[in-house]
Protein backbone atom coordinates (compact mmCIF):
# COMPACT_ATOMS: atom_id res chain seq x y z
CA MET A 1 -31.22 7.77 -31.14
CA SER A 2 -32.29 4.42 -29.70
CA ALA A 3 -35.34 3.87 -27.51
CA ALA A 4 -33.23 3.47 -24.39
CA ALA A 5 -32.94 5.39 -21.13
CA LEU A 6 -29.93 6.41 -19.05
CA VAL A 7 -30.31 6.91 -15.29
CA LEU A 8 -27.71 8.59 -13.07
CA ALA A 9 -28.12 6.98 -9.64
CA ALA A 10 -26.72 9.00 -6.72
CA HIS A 11 -27.01 8.90 -2.94
CA GLY A 12 -28.29 12.47 -2.89
CA SER A 13 -29.40 14.56 0.07
CA ARG A 14 -32.78 15.73 1.42
CA HIS A 15 -31.17 18.64 3.27
CA ALA A 16 -28.45 19.96 0.93
CA ARG A 17 -30.57 20.47 -2.18
CA HIS A 18 -27.64 21.72 -4.24
CA VAL A 19 -26.11 18.23 -4.10
CA ASN A 20 -29.04 16.79 -6.07
CA GLU A 21 -29.06 19.82 -8.34
CA ARG A 22 -25.46 19.05 -9.26
CA ILE A 23 -26.50 15.57 -10.44
CA ARG A 24 -29.29 17.13 -12.50
CA GLU A 25 -26.75 19.51 -14.04
CA MET A 26 -24.65 16.48 -15.01
CA ALA A 27 -27.69 14.96 -16.71
CA ASP A 28 -28.20 18.19 -18.65
CA ARG A 29 -24.55 18.19 -19.72
CA LEU A 30 -24.78 14.56 -20.83
CA ARG A 31 -27.57 15.44 -23.24
CA THR A 32 -24.98 17.37 -25.28
CA THR A 33 -22.53 14.43 -25.44
CA ARG A 34 -22.55 11.08 -27.18
CA ALA A 35 -24.89 9.86 -24.44
CA GLY A 36 -27.48 12.38 -25.64
CA ARG A 37 -27.36 10.81 -29.10
CA GLU A 38 -27.60 7.21 -27.85
CA PHE A 39 -30.33 7.57 -25.21
CA SER A 40 -33.82 8.85 -25.77
CA THR A 41 -34.14 9.81 -22.08
CA ILE A 42 -31.52 10.83 -19.51
CA ALA A 43 -32.92 10.82 -15.98
CA VAL A 44 -31.65 10.99 -12.38
CA ALA A 45 -32.55 8.97 -9.28
CA PHE A 46 -31.63 9.30 -5.60
CA HIS A 47 -31.52 7.32 -2.40
CA GLN A 48 -32.21 10.61 -0.61
CA GLY A 49 -34.37 12.81 -2.84
CA GLU A 50 -36.83 12.68 -5.73
CA PRO A 51 -37.25 10.67 -7.82
CA ALA A 52 -36.21 7.72 -5.67
CA PHE A 53 -34.46 4.57 -6.90
CA ALA A 54 -37.67 2.64 -6.21
CA GLU A 55 -39.76 4.89 -8.47
CA VAL A 56 -37.58 6.01 -11.38
CA LEU A 57 -38.10 2.99 -13.67
CA ASP A 58 -41.86 3.24 -13.42
CA ALA A 59 -41.68 6.76 -14.85
CA LEU A 60 -39.73 5.63 -17.94
CA ASP A 61 -41.34 4.40 -21.15
CA GLU A 62 -38.17 2.78 -22.46
CA ARG A 63 -37.67 -0.95 -21.94
CA ASP A 64 -33.85 -0.81 -22.11
CA VAL A 65 -32.36 1.13 -19.19
CA THR A 66 -28.70 1.74 -18.34
CA VAL A 67 -28.01 2.78 -14.75
CA VAL A 68 -24.72 4.50 -13.90
CA PRO A 69 -24.04 4.62 -10.15
CA VAL A 70 -22.67 8.11 -9.57
CA MET A 71 -21.00 6.75 -6.46
CA THR A 72 -17.39 6.26 -5.54
CA SER A 73 -17.16 2.53 -4.94
CA ARG A 74 -18.54 -0.94 -5.28
CA GLY A 75 -19.76 -0.73 -1.71
CA TYR A 76 -22.89 -0.71 0.41
CA TYR A 77 -25.04 1.62 -1.69
CA ALA A 78 -23.92 0.44 -5.12
CA ASP A 79 -23.93 -3.28 -4.29
CA HIS A 80 -26.94 -3.53 -1.96
CA VAL A 81 -29.17 -0.47 -1.71
CA LEU A 82 -29.33 0.41 -5.42
CA PRO A 83 -30.23 -3.06 -6.80
CA ARG A 84 -32.67 -3.68 -3.95
CA GLU A 85 -34.49 -0.39 -4.52
CA LEU A 86 -34.53 -0.69 -8.31
CA ALA A 87 -36.17 -4.09 -7.95
CA ARG A 88 -39.03 -2.44 -6.05
CA ASN A 89 -40.20 -0.63 -9.19
CA ARG A 90 -43.55 -2.15 -10.25
CA ASN A 91 -42.47 -2.77 -13.84
CA TYR A 92 -38.90 -3.83 -13.03
CA ALA A 93 -39.48 -7.34 -14.40
CA GLN A 94 -40.51 -5.87 -17.77
CA LYS A 95 -37.34 -3.75 -18.05
CA ASN A 96 -33.96 -4.75 -19.38
CA VAL A 97 -31.82 -3.02 -16.75
CA ARG A 98 -28.02 -2.87 -17.09
CA THR A 99 -26.08 -1.36 -14.19
CA THR A 100 -22.50 -0.25 -14.92
CA SER A 101 -19.55 -0.04 -12.57
CA PRO A 102 -19.64 2.94 -10.18
CA VAL A 103 -18.06 6.15 -11.46
CA GLY A 104 -15.31 6.05 -8.84
CA THR A 105 -13.92 2.75 -10.08
CA HIS A 106 -13.39 3.92 -13.67
CA PRO A 107 -9.72 3.60 -14.80
CA GLU A 108 -9.55 7.29 -15.80
CA VAL A 109 -10.39 8.57 -12.31
CA PRO A 110 -6.78 8.35 -10.99
CA GLU A 111 -5.53 10.52 -13.87
CA LEU A 112 -8.32 13.04 -13.28
CA VAL A 113 -7.46 13.22 -9.57
CA ALA A 114 -3.71 13.43 -10.22
CA GLN A 115 -4.31 16.37 -12.56
CA ARG A 116 -6.44 18.07 -9.90
CA ALA A 117 -3.68 17.59 -7.30
CA GLN A 118 -1.10 19.03 -9.71
CA VAL A 119 -3.34 22.07 -10.31
CA LEU A 120 -3.64 22.67 -6.56
CA CYS A 121 0.14 22.39 -6.14
CA ARG A 122 0.65 25.07 -8.82
CA GLU A 123 -2.12 27.26 -7.41
CA PHE A 124 -0.69 27.27 -3.89
CA GLY A 125 3.02 27.13 -4.76
CA LEU A 126 3.62 23.58 -3.52
CA ARG A 127 6.22 21.15 -4.85
CA PRO A 128 4.44 17.88 -5.74
CA ALA A 129 7.42 15.79 -4.65
CA GLU A 130 7.16 17.38 -1.20
CA THR A 131 3.37 17.11 -0.96
CA THR A 132 1.24 14.44 0.70
CA VAL A 133 -2.00 13.79 -1.20
CA VAL A 134 -4.83 12.42 0.95
CA ILE A 135 -8.01 10.90 -0.51
CA ALA A 136 -10.88 11.31 1.98
CA GLY A 137 -13.69 8.81 1.45
CA HIS A 138 -16.84 7.99 3.32
CA GLY A 139 -16.23 4.32 4.10
CA THR A 140 -18.40 2.14 6.29
CA PRO A 141 -17.67 -0.86 8.54
CA ARG A 142 -20.82 -2.46 7.09
CA HIS A 143 -19.14 -3.26 3.81
CA GLN A 144 -15.38 -3.43 3.24
CA ARG A 145 -15.72 -2.83 -0.50
CA SER A 146 -17.00 0.65 0.35
CA ARG A 147 -13.45 1.70 1.14
CA ARG A 148 -11.65 -0.19 -1.61
CA ALA A 149 -12.00 2.37 -4.41
CA THR A 150 -10.70 5.11 -2.10
CA VAL A 151 -7.70 3.03 -1.01
CA ASN A 152 -6.98 1.98 -4.60
CA LEU A 153 -7.11 5.57 -5.82
CA ALA A 154 -4.64 6.71 -3.17
CA SER A 155 -2.37 3.79 -4.01
CA GLN A 156 -2.40 4.58 -7.73
CA LEU A 157 -1.44 8.19 -6.99
CA GLY A 158 1.47 6.85 -4.99
CA TYR A 159 2.57 4.55 -7.83
CA THR A 160 3.13 7.51 -10.14
CA GLY A 161 5.96 8.80 -7.96
CA ASP A 162 4.80 12.36 -8.74
CA PHE A 163 3.87 13.08 -5.12
CA GLY A 164 5.83 12.59 -1.95
CA GLN A 165 3.15 10.43 -0.36
CA ALA A 166 -0.45 9.35 -0.90
CA PHE A 167 -2.89 7.56 1.40
CA ALA A 168 -6.61 7.27 2.19
CA VAL A 169 -8.67 8.33 5.22
CA PHE A 170 -12.38 7.98 5.97
CA LEU A 171 -15.31 9.71 7.61
CA ASP A 172 -16.85 6.50 9.00
CA ASP A 173 -13.96 4.08 9.01
CA ALA A 174 -10.33 3.80 10.07
CA PRO A 175 -8.00 5.58 9.59
CA GLY A 176 -10.17 8.59 10.27
CA VAL A 177 -9.82 12.06 8.78
CA GLU A 178 -8.22 13.22 12.05
CA ALA A 179 -5.20 10.99 11.29
CA VAL A 180 -4.12 13.09 8.29
CA LEU A 181 -1.50 15.26 9.98
CA GLU A 182 -0.20 12.39 12.09
CA ARG A 183 0.38 10.14 9.09
CA ALA A 184 1.56 12.76 6.58
CA CYS A 185 5.32 12.78 5.97
CA CYS A 186 5.62 15.86 3.75
CA ALA A 187 5.78 19.60 4.29
CA ALA A 188 2.48 20.22 2.46
CA VAL A 189 -0.78 18.26 2.60
CA VAL A 190 -3.56 18.32 -0.01
CA VAL A 191 -6.85 16.64 0.98
CA LEU A 192 -9.18 15.60 -1.86
CA PRO A 193 -12.68 14.49 -0.77
CA PHE A 194 -13.66 11.43 -2.81
CA LEU A 195 -17.38 12.30 -2.64
CA ILE A 196 -20.10 13.22 -5.10
CA GLY A 197 -21.25 16.81 -4.64
CA ALA A 198 -20.28 19.62 -2.31
CA GLY A 199 -22.56 18.57 0.53
CA PRO A 200 -22.07 18.88 4.30
CA HIS A 201 -19.40 16.15 4.36
CA ALA A 202 -17.14 18.10 2.00
CA LEU A 203 -18.00 21.63 3.17
CA ASP A 204 -18.19 21.05 6.92
CA ASP A 205 -17.25 17.61 8.23
CA ILE A 206 -13.88 17.07 6.57
CA PRO A 207 -12.52 20.62 7.14
CA ALA A 208 -13.73 20.58 10.77
CA ARG A 209 -12.08 17.24 11.47
CA LEU A 210 -8.87 18.64 9.98
CA GLY A 211 -9.07 21.56 12.43
CA MET A 212 -9.90 24.06 9.67
CA THR A 213 -12.42 26.09 11.65
CA GLY A 214 -13.70 29.60 11.05
CA GLY A 215 -13.71 29.37 7.28
CA ASN A 216 -16.51 29.90 4.77
CA ASP A 217 -18.16 27.53 2.36
CA ALA A 218 -15.61 28.18 -0.38
CA LEU A 219 -13.38 25.32 -1.43
CA PRO A 220 -10.47 24.84 -1.71
CA ARG A 221 -9.73 26.02 1.82
CA THR A 222 -6.25 26.49 3.30
CA ALA A 223 -4.72 26.54 6.76
CA ASP A 224 -1.34 26.36 8.44
CA ALA A 225 -0.84 23.29 10.61
CA GLY A 226 2.35 23.95 12.51
CA ASN A 227 5.02 24.18 9.83
CA ARG A 228 2.81 22.52 7.22
CA LYS A 229 0.57 23.98 4.55
CA LEU A 230 -2.84 22.27 4.55
CA VAL A 231 -5.20 22.49 1.56
CA CYS A 232 -8.69 20.96 1.53
CA ASP A 233 -10.16 20.80 -1.96
CA ARG A 234 -13.68 20.60 -3.35
CA PRO A 235 -15.06 17.09 -3.90
CA ILE A 236 -13.77 15.05 -6.80
CA GLY A 237 -17.41 14.41 -7.66
CA ASP A 238 -17.78 18.07 -8.67
CA ASP A 239 -15.09 17.82 -11.36
CA ASP A 240 -16.37 18.35 -14.89
CA GLY A 241 -14.08 15.53 -16.02
CA LEU A 242 -16.66 13.10 -14.66
CA ILE A 243 -18.95 13.89 -17.60
CA GLY A 244 -16.62 12.05 -19.96
CA ILE A 245 -16.30 9.14 -17.53
CA ILE A 246 -20.08 8.81 -17.16
CA THR A 247 -20.44 8.94 -20.95
CA ASP A 248 -17.88 6.16 -21.33
CA LEU A 249 -19.63 3.99 -18.74
CA ALA A 250 -23.05 4.60 -20.27
CA THR A 251 -22.11 4.00 -23.90
CA GLY A 252 -19.16 1.61 -23.65
CA ASP A 253 -19.17 -2.14 -24.01
CA GLN A 254 -18.67 -3.06 -20.35
CA LYS A 255 -17.22 -6.55 -20.70
CA ASP A 256 -16.24 -8.33 -17.52
CA ASP A 257 -12.48 -8.86 -17.31
CA PHE A 258 -13.20 -12.43 -16.14
CA VAL A 259 -13.87 -13.39 -19.77
CA THR A 260 -10.25 -12.78 -20.75
CA HIS A 261 -8.60 -13.38 -17.37
CA ALA A 262 -7.36 -16.85 -18.22
CA GLN A 263 -5.79 -15.69 -21.51
CA ARG A 264 -4.00 -12.49 -20.55
CA PRO A 265 -0.44 -12.43 -19.14
CA LEU A 266 -0.11 -12.39 -15.38
CA ARG A 267 1.12 -9.05 -14.05
CA MET A 268 3.98 -9.09 -11.55
CA GLY A 269 4.27 -6.04 -9.30
CA THR A 270 7.61 -4.86 -8.00
CA ARG A 271 9.41 -1.88 -6.53
CA THR A 272 11.54 0.16 -8.90
CA SER A 273 14.97 -0.25 -7.30
CA ARG A 274 17.65 -2.19 -9.16
CA LEU A 275 17.60 -4.92 -6.53
CA ALA A 276 13.81 -5.28 -6.57
CA LEU A 277 13.81 -5.47 -10.37
CA TRP A 278 16.55 -8.13 -10.28
CA GLN A 279 14.55 -10.16 -7.80
CA THR A 280 11.39 -9.89 -9.88
CA GLU A 281 13.15 -10.85 -13.10
CA HIS A 282 14.71 -13.78 -11.21
CA VAL A 283 11.23 -15.06 -10.35
CA ALA A 284 9.84 -14.18 -13.79
CA HIS A 285 12.60 -16.15 -15.52
CA LYS A 286 11.73 -19.29 -13.55
CA LEU A 287 8.06 -18.89 -14.43
CA ARG A 288 8.71 -18.17 -18.11
CA VAL A 289 10.87 -21.30 -18.36
CA ALA A 290 7.79 -23.16 -17.13
CA GLY A 291 5.76 -21.60 -19.95
CA ALA A 292 4.05 -18.72 -18.16
CA SER A 293 3.23 -15.42 -19.90
CA LEU A 294 4.14 -12.48 -17.65
CA ASP A 295 4.31 -8.69 -17.61
CA VAL A 296 6.34 -6.78 -14.99
CA VAL A 297 4.64 -3.73 -13.45
CA GLU A 298 6.89 -1.24 -11.63
CA LEU A 299 5.30 0.45 -8.62
CA SER A 300 6.43 3.18 -6.23
CA THR A 301 6.24 2.51 -2.48
CA LEU A 302 6.39 4.80 0.54
CA GLY A 303 9.69 3.24 1.60
CA ASP A 304 11.20 4.15 -1.77
CA ARG A 305 9.81 7.69 -1.85
CA VAL A 306 10.79 8.82 1.67
CA HIS A 307 14.50 8.52 2.49
CA ASP A 308 14.87 11.05 5.32
CA ARG A 309 13.29 8.85 8.00
CA ALA A 310 14.19 5.49 9.49
CA ILE A 311 12.06 2.63 8.21
CA HIS A 312 10.38 2.06 11.59
CA GLU A 313 9.27 5.73 11.61
CA LEU A 314 7.29 5.44 8.36
CA ALA A 315 3.51 5.01 8.31
CA GLY A 316 2.08 1.54 7.77
CA ASP A 317 3.17 -1.94 8.81
CA ALA A 318 5.32 -2.60 5.74
CA PRO A 319 6.33 0.61 3.90
CA PHE A 320 8.06 -1.36 1.11
CA CYS A 321 5.02 -3.60 0.55
CA ASP A 322 1.82 -1.75 1.52
CA ASP A 323 1.43 0.10 -1.81
CA ILE A 324 2.11 -3.08 -3.76
CA GLU A 325 -0.48 -4.97 -1.71
CA HIS A 326 -3.03 -2.24 -2.48
CA ALA A 327 -2.35 -2.81 -6.20
CA LEU A 328 -2.73 -6.56 -5.70
CA GLY A 329 -6.03 -6.13 -3.88
CA ALA A 330 -7.28 -3.75 -6.57
CA GLY A 331 -6.57 -6.28 -9.32
CA LEU A 332 -3.96 -4.03 -10.94
CA ILE A 333 -1.40 -6.82 -10.57
CA ASP A 334 -1.69 -10.59 -10.02
CA LEU A 335 1.59 -11.37 -8.25
CA ALA A 336 3.83 -9.37 -5.95
CA VAL A 337 7.52 -10.16 -5.48
CA HIS A 338 8.97 -9.07 -2.13
CA SER A 339 12.05 -9.44 -0.02
CA LEU A 340 10.43 -11.61 2.65
CA LYS A 341 11.97 -9.59 5.48
CA ASP A 342 10.07 -6.51 4.20
CA VAL A 343 6.66 -8.20 4.36
CA ALA A 344 4.42 -7.24 7.29
CA LEU A 345 4.47 -9.79 10.10
CA HIS A 346 0.70 -10.12 9.81
CA VAL A 347 -0.19 -10.61 6.12
CA PRO A 348 -3.79 -9.40 5.53
CA CYS A 349 -6.27 -12.26 5.15
CA GLU A 350 -7.10 -11.29 1.55
CA PHE A 351 -3.53 -12.22 0.51
CA GLU A 352 -1.26 -15.20 0.90
CA ILE A 353 2.41 -15.99 0.43
CA ALA A 354 2.18 -18.56 -2.35
CA ALA A 355 5.91 -19.30 -2.53
CA VAL A 356 9.12 -18.70 -0.60
CA LEU A 357 12.06 -19.28 -2.93
CA PRO A 358 15.34 -20.96 -1.93
CA ARG A 359 17.25 -18.58 0.25
CA GLY A 360 20.33 -16.67 -0.80
CA ASP A 361 23.34 -16.01 1.45
CA ALA A 362 21.86 -14.52 4.63
CA ARG A 363 25.12 -13.11 5.99
CA GLU A 364 25.82 -9.42 6.57
CA ALA A 365 28.64 -7.52 4.89
CA LEU A 366 30.66 -4.40 5.63
CA VAL A 367 31.28 -1.91 2.82
CA SER A 368 33.97 0.60 3.76
CA ARG A 369 36.22 3.28 2.38
CA ASN A 370 39.71 1.97 1.71
CA ASN A 371 38.33 -1.58 2.05
CA VAL A 372 39.08 -1.88 5.77
CA THR A 373 37.39 -4.33 8.15
CA LEU A 374 35.17 -3.39 11.08
CA ALA A 375 38.02 -4.04 13.53
CA ALA A 376 40.33 -1.77 11.51
CA LEU A 377 38.01 1.25 11.43
CA PRO A 378 39.45 4.12 13.50
CA PRO A 379 37.63 5.19 16.68
CA GLY A 380 34.83 7.64 15.88
CA ALA A 381 34.39 6.33 12.35
CA VAL A 382 30.82 6.75 11.05
CA VAL A 383 28.93 3.59 10.12
CA GLY A 384 25.68 3.99 8.19
CA THR A 385 22.54 1.96 8.82
CA SER A 386 18.89 2.71 9.59
CA SER A 387 18.30 -0.73 11.08
CA PRO A 388 18.10 -0.79 14.92
CA ARG A 389 19.26 -4.43 14.78
CA ARG A 390 22.38 -3.59 12.77
CA ALA A 391 23.09 -0.49 14.84
CA ALA A 392 22.87 -2.44 18.11
CA GLN A 393 25.24 -5.15 16.86
CA VAL A 394 27.74 -2.58 15.56
CA ARG A 395 27.73 -0.96 19.02
CA ARG A 396 28.11 -4.40 20.60
CA LEU A 397 31.23 -5.11 18.55
CA ARG A 398 32.66 -1.57 18.38
CA PRO A 399 31.14 0.79 20.99
CA ASP A 400 33.64 3.48 19.94
CA LEU A 401 32.10 3.88 16.47
CA VAL A 402 29.35 6.38 15.53
CA VAL A 403 26.21 4.95 13.94
CA GLN A 404 24.16 7.27 11.72
CA PRO A 405 21.03 6.67 9.58
CA LEU A 406 21.58 5.57 5.99
CA ARG A 407 18.65 4.87 3.64
CA GLY A 408 18.16 4.27 -0.06
CA PRO A 409 18.73 1.53 -2.64
CA VAL A 410 21.70 -0.77 -2.14
CA ASP A 411 23.79 0.72 -4.94
CA GLN A 412 23.19 4.27 -3.64
CA ARG A 413 24.22 3.26 -0.12
CA VAL A 414 27.46 1.80 -1.45
CA GLN A 415 28.07 5.00 -3.43
CA GLN A 416 27.55 7.18 -0.36
CA VAL A 417 30.33 5.27 1.40
CA HIS A 418 32.65 5.65 -1.57
CA ASP A 419 31.78 9.36 -1.78
CA GLY A 420 32.99 9.82 1.80
CA ARG A 421 29.62 10.59 3.45
CA PHE A 422 30.16 7.51 5.65
CA ASP A 423 33.24 5.56 6.61
CA ALA A 424 31.36 2.27 6.30
CA ALA A 425 27.92 0.70 6.03
CA ILE A 426 26.36 -2.64 6.89
CA LEU A 427 24.45 -4.29 4.02
CA ALA A 428 22.98 -7.69 3.24
CA LEU A 429 25.47 -9.78 1.29
CA ALA A 430 22.69 -11.25 -0.86
CA GLY A 431 21.76 -7.80 -2.13
CA LEU A 432 25.33 -7.08 -3.15
CA GLN A 433 25.62 -10.46 -4.85
CA ARG A 434 22.38 -10.03 -6.79
CA LEU A 435 23.57 -6.68 -8.14
CA GLY A 436 27.01 -8.02 -9.09
CA MET A 437 28.61 -5.87 -6.35
CA ALA A 438 29.96 -8.56 -4.02
CA ASP A 439 33.51 -7.23 -4.50
CA ALA A 440 32.39 -4.03 -2.71
CA ALA A 441 32.32 -5.98 0.57
CA ALA A 442 35.42 -5.38 2.65
CA GLU A 443 34.29 -8.00 5.15
CA VAL A 444 31.63 -10.69 5.31
CA PHE A 445 30.55 -11.53 8.85
CA SER A 446 29.71 -14.99 10.06
CA ILE A 447 26.18 -15.62 11.31
CA ASP A 448 27.57 -15.93 14.85
CA ASP A 449 29.43 -12.61 14.69
CA PHE A 450 26.65 -10.55 13.13
CA MET A 451 23.24 -12.22 13.12
CA PRO A 452 20.92 -11.23 10.23
CA ALA A 453 17.34 -10.03 10.20
CA PRO A 454 14.61 -12.69 10.25
CA ALA A 455 13.98 -13.92 6.68
CA GLN A 456 16.99 -12.06 5.26
CA ALA A 457 17.95 -13.12 1.70
CA ALA A 458 14.63 -14.92 1.10
CA LEU A 459 12.22 -13.91 -1.68
CA ALA A 460 8.44 -14.25 -1.39
CA VAL A 461 5.68 -14.22 -4.01
CA GLU A 462 2.33 -12.93 -2.77
CA VAL A 463 -1.03 -13.52 -4.46
CA ARG A 464 -4.68 -12.75 -3.76
CA ALA A 465 -6.30 -15.41 -1.60
CA GLY A 466 -8.52 -17.49 -3.84
CA ASP A 467 -6.66 -16.71 -7.08
CA ASP A 468 -6.20 -20.35 -8.08
CA ARG A 469 -4.57 -19.51 -11.41
CA ALA A 470 -1.75 -17.52 -9.79
CA ARG A 471 -1.40 -19.90 -6.86
CA ARG A 472 -1.04 -22.98 -9.06
CA LEU A 473 1.61 -21.25 -11.16
CA ILE A 474 3.65 -20.06 -8.19
CA ARG A 475 3.39 -23.14 -5.99
CA ALA A 476 6.14 -24.98 -7.89
CA LEU A 477 8.68 -22.33 -6.78
CA ASP A 478 8.11 -22.89 -3.06
CA ASP A 479 11.12 -24.23 -1.14
CA ALA A 480 9.99 -26.07 1.99
CA PRO A 481 13.24 -25.79 4.02
CA THR A 482 13.43 -22.03 3.42
CA ARG A 483 9.74 -21.57 4.29
CA ILE A 484 10.17 -23.53 7.56
CA ALA A 485 13.33 -21.63 8.54
CA THR A 486 12.01 -18.15 7.74
CA THR A 487 8.66 -18.89 9.39
CA LEU A 488 10.47 -19.74 12.64
CA GLU A 489 12.54 -16.55 12.44
CA LEU A 490 9.53 -14.34 11.71
CA ASN A 491 7.48 -16.01 14.43
CA VAL A 492 10.15 -15.04 16.95
CA LEU A 493 10.13 -11.44 15.75
CA ARG A 494 6.31 -11.39 15.77
CA ALA A 495 6.22 -12.64 19.36
CA LEU A 496 8.86 -10.23 20.68
CA GLU A 497 8.56 -7.07 18.57
CA ASP A 498 6.03 -5.22 20.75
CA ASP A 499 7.53 -5.94 24.16
CA ALA A 500 11.25 -6.21 23.64
CA PRO A 501 13.46 -3.27 24.73
CA VAL A 502 16.09 -4.96 22.54
CA ALA A 503 16.89 -5.51 18.88
CA VAL A 504 15.95 -8.99 17.66
CA ALA A 505 18.00 -10.99 15.15
CA ALA A 506 17.32 -14.59 14.19
CA PHE A 507 18.56 -17.33 11.90
CA ALA A 508 17.24 -20.85 11.41
CA SER A 509 18.55 -23.75 9.35
CA VAL A 510 16.87 -26.96 8.25
CA THR A 511 19.05 -30.02 7.61
CA ASP A 512 18.66 -33.37 9.39
CA GLU A 513 17.29 -31.32 12.27
CA ILE A 514 15.99 -27.82 12.75
CA ARG A 515 18.14 -25.24 14.49
CA LEU A 516 17.00 -21.79 15.57
CA ASP A 517 19.39 -19.13 16.90
CA VAL A 518 18.22 -15.78 18.25
CA ARG A 519 20.23 -12.77 19.41
CA LEU A 520 18.77 -10.10 21.68
CA THR A 521 20.90 -6.97 21.84
CA ALA A 522 20.31 -3.86 23.92
CA LEU A 523 19.86 -0.90 21.61
CA ASP A 524 23.00 0.73 22.99
CA GLY A 525 24.96 -2.48 22.45
CA THR A 526 25.99 -2.84 26.10
CA GLN A 527 24.24 -6.19 26.64
CA SER A 528 23.63 -9.12 24.34
CA TRP A 529 22.16 -12.61 24.68
CA THR A 530 22.46 -15.41 22.10
CA LEU A 531 19.98 -18.27 22.41
CA GLY A 532 19.87 -21.48 20.42
CA ARG A 533 17.86 -24.70 20.22
CA ALA A 534 17.80 -27.68 17.87
CA GLY A 535 15.35 -30.52 17.37
CA LEU A 536 13.08 -32.33 14.97
CA ASN A 537 9.88 -30.45 15.83
CA PRO A 538 9.90 -26.80 14.68
CA ALA A 539 7.09 -25.79 17.07
CA ALA A 540 8.95 -27.26 20.05
CA VAL A 541 12.18 -25.53 19.04
CA GLN A 542 10.35 -22.22 18.71
CA ARG A 543 8.61 -22.56 22.09
CA ALA A 544 11.88 -23.30 23.87
CA VAL A 545 13.70 -20.30 22.38
CA LEU A 546 10.78 -17.94 23.02
CA ALA A 547 10.43 -19.08 26.65
CA GLU A 548 14.08 -18.25 27.34
CA ALA A 549 13.88 -14.97 25.42
CA ARG A 550 10.84 -13.83 27.39
CA GLU A 551 12.58 -14.58 30.68
CA ILE A 552 15.52 -12.40 29.62
CA ILE A 553 13.25 -9.58 28.47
CA ALA A 554 11.21 -9.73 31.68
CA GLU A 555 14.37 -9.47 33.80
CA LEU A 556 15.71 -6.63 31.66
CA THR A 557 12.41 -4.73 31.85
CA ALA A 558 12.26 -5.15 35.64
CA GLU A 559 15.85 -3.92 35.92
CA VAL A 560 15.07 -0.81 33.87
CA ARG A 561 12.05 -0.02 36.06
CA ARG A 562 14.15 -0.28 39.19
């Protein structure tokens, strides 16, 4: 046993004494583990309770002290309060103090939480694939890192694909705990408080804000919310599995990943569909030719997991990208490859689109049974698409057809047509081409006949803002004409998406001059307007098209109100 001390540093509580007692129990348990053999003293310290952070070091004889923050994140208390208070100890300068990462950021926590969620599903007869798992953290607007570990944990649960959905909510931040039932997509909801100790937040606040009133202090607690089963579990911080995690933090060699960052392969995150994997390998091949070392990381997204709702009905701004962005922000991947049209119109400031690759064929295609064209489909034929833009243009061209929702990977959508579930479907030609399925297209529409979605057929590579290594590597892939054209198209959609009672399609081209065409189509297909401008200045072209579009929308809105 070395002459070194281990301190478990927790927020604690002056009112709920059992919360601090739980931390003391953990210290007792640690004395029977490897930590007990490597540390001569194992102590506890609290922000709320005795001994306090500002006093604990003065009570220790050992010069070498390891502090493990028994907190959930690198946030306000771990990053600011704890180091400030430790420094107030009188003999702080004479101590060799090493503070580890907080417990909640340890890489084994997601597995521990996933196992707990699986146990709850078995205990209450829930099917994991039909269960939404919600991680409830504290959060605070004072420090954005306070929410990051909670968001990352929820994202990593989603990546496994074991559960129907996973997301984070907060007591003191947005989205709040009250948003659980509104955002949940599945028939059952399991809420896991990402807190240390069964204090008032876990026992009272979270259940009350979920509408689980009239219960007792026992957790887990259940309730019926309409046709949903709602389960609120005990805090993750009460799980005995944390003992092993604390031991690992206390006794491990906590080397900063920055030391090896420049040497390790860059990790490219992607969805798991065949098309997404093709697109990622397409980008990876270009980078490997340039000498880059890369690993591909497959991730599950909400858009891939939930197929029974239209895309615009799913939670989040970009259901095919949000989970991947969480992984990027958490440092689990270094690059994210997206279909640019799937990226949120407002990319969060902590990320940037480092490259937009040369665009593929942006035209739309019809896949049909018996290989017939749109004009040859019989009246009442069923055309599959979950895109309001595609549906509106189908109704514009053939108001006698029936449009029904169709979701899923490209190859599965084609198969559903061939299996007879639909008479036809509208798909992006580029997707068919990239999968070697171009011969499945019975008809390829011209841009004028069937205008595509903004940024269709363009690939984007997203990186963390400030990651110079990734940005320098990716920058060589950027295609300026494609970036200019897709930026114009997306700017139009961004400007009109909230106000327009119409579906918006757009296509821009960059040659000797810049041309931008936009189609506004009433959702029922009865009215349609096609606008176009050309010029040398992209901003001027965009302003002219948007001015005309807004006039049309204003007239249409006034007509509807009358």
